[in-house]
């Protein structure tokens, strides 16, 4: 999969974050850098969020 904005490769956490933060039914995903710009947070913070969602049992991050 590729980022719908910049074409960068998108990983599992980025797919999960896109679905969790934007729309669970989306078929277009954003890379960490584009998600970071969209939500005005650091990429590190987004990865922390992904870890927290995973720890909470969110099935998007299994």
Protein backbone atom coordinates (compact mmCIF):
# COMPACT_ATOMS: atom_id res chain seq x y z
CA UNK A 1 0.00 0.00 0.00
CA UNK A 2 1.04 3.58 -0.61
CA UNK A 3 0.22 6.94 0.97
CA UNK A 4 -2.56 8.60 -0.97
CA UNK A 5 -0.83 12.00 -0.66
CA UNK A 6 2.89 11.41 -1.20
CA UNK A 7 3.19 7.84 -2.49
CA UNK A 8 5.39 6.64 0.40
CA UNK A 9 5.03 3.01 1.50
CA UNK A 10 2.46 2.60 4.30
CA UNK A 11 2.94 0.08 7.12
CA UNK A 12 0.48 -1.68 9.41
CA UNK A 13 0.56 0.97 12.15
CA UNK A 14 -0.07 3.71 9.58
CA UNK A 15 -3.05 1.80 8.18
CA UNK A 16 -4.41 1.38 11.71
CA UNK A 17 -3.87 5.04 12.58
CA UNK A 18 -5.54 6.21 9.38
CA UNK A 19 -8.56 4.03 10.09
CA UNK A 20 -8.69 4.98 13.77
CA UNK A 21 -8.18 8.74 13.35
CA UNK A 22 -9.85 9.43 9.99
CA UNK A 23 -12.37 6.78 8.96
CA UNK A 24 -12.53 3.08 9.72
CA UNK A 25 -13.93 2.31 6.26
CA UNK A 26 -11.32 4.20 4.25
CA UNK A 27 -9.44 2.56 1.40
CA UNK A 28 -6.89 5.40 1.13
CA UNK A 29 -4.13 5.53 3.71
CA UNK A 30 -1.63 8.13 4.89
CA UNK A 31 2.01 7.59 5.83
CA UNK A 32 3.31 8.67 9.22
CA UNK A 33 4.69 11.97 7.86
CA UNK A 34 1.38 12.93 6.20
CA UNK A 35 -0.65 11.90 9.26
CA UNK A 36 1.73 13.98 11.37
CA UNK A 37 1.18 17.06 9.20
CA UNK A 38 -2.59 16.55 9.07
CA UNK A 39 -2.98 16.28 12.85
CA UNK A 40 -0.10 18.63 13.74
CA UNK A 41 1.63 16.15 16.04
CA UNK A 42 5.03 14.54 15.85
CA UNK A 43 5.47 11.13 14.22
CA UNK A 44 6.74 9.91 17.60
CA UNK A 45 3.48 10.93 19.24
CA UNK A 46 1.52 9.02 16.59
CA UNK A 47 3.60 5.91 17.26
CA UNK A 48 2.93 6.32 20.99
CA UNK A 49 -0.78 6.52 20.19
CA UNK A 50 -0.56 3.33 18.10
CA UNK A 51 1.15 1.55 21.01
CA UNK A 52 -1.54 2.79 23.42
CA UNK A 53 -4.34 1.64 21.10
CA UNK A 54 -2.62 -1.76 20.76
CA UNK A 55 -2.25 -2.06 24.55
CA UNK A 56 -5.93 -1.19 24.95
CA UNK A 57 -6.85 -4.08 22.67
CA UNK A 58 -7.90 -2.13 19.57
CA UNK A 59 -8.21 -4.70 16.77
CA UNK A 60 -6.86 -2.23 14.19
CA UNK A 61 -3.41 -2.66 15.74
CA UNK A 62 -3.15 -6.45 16.17
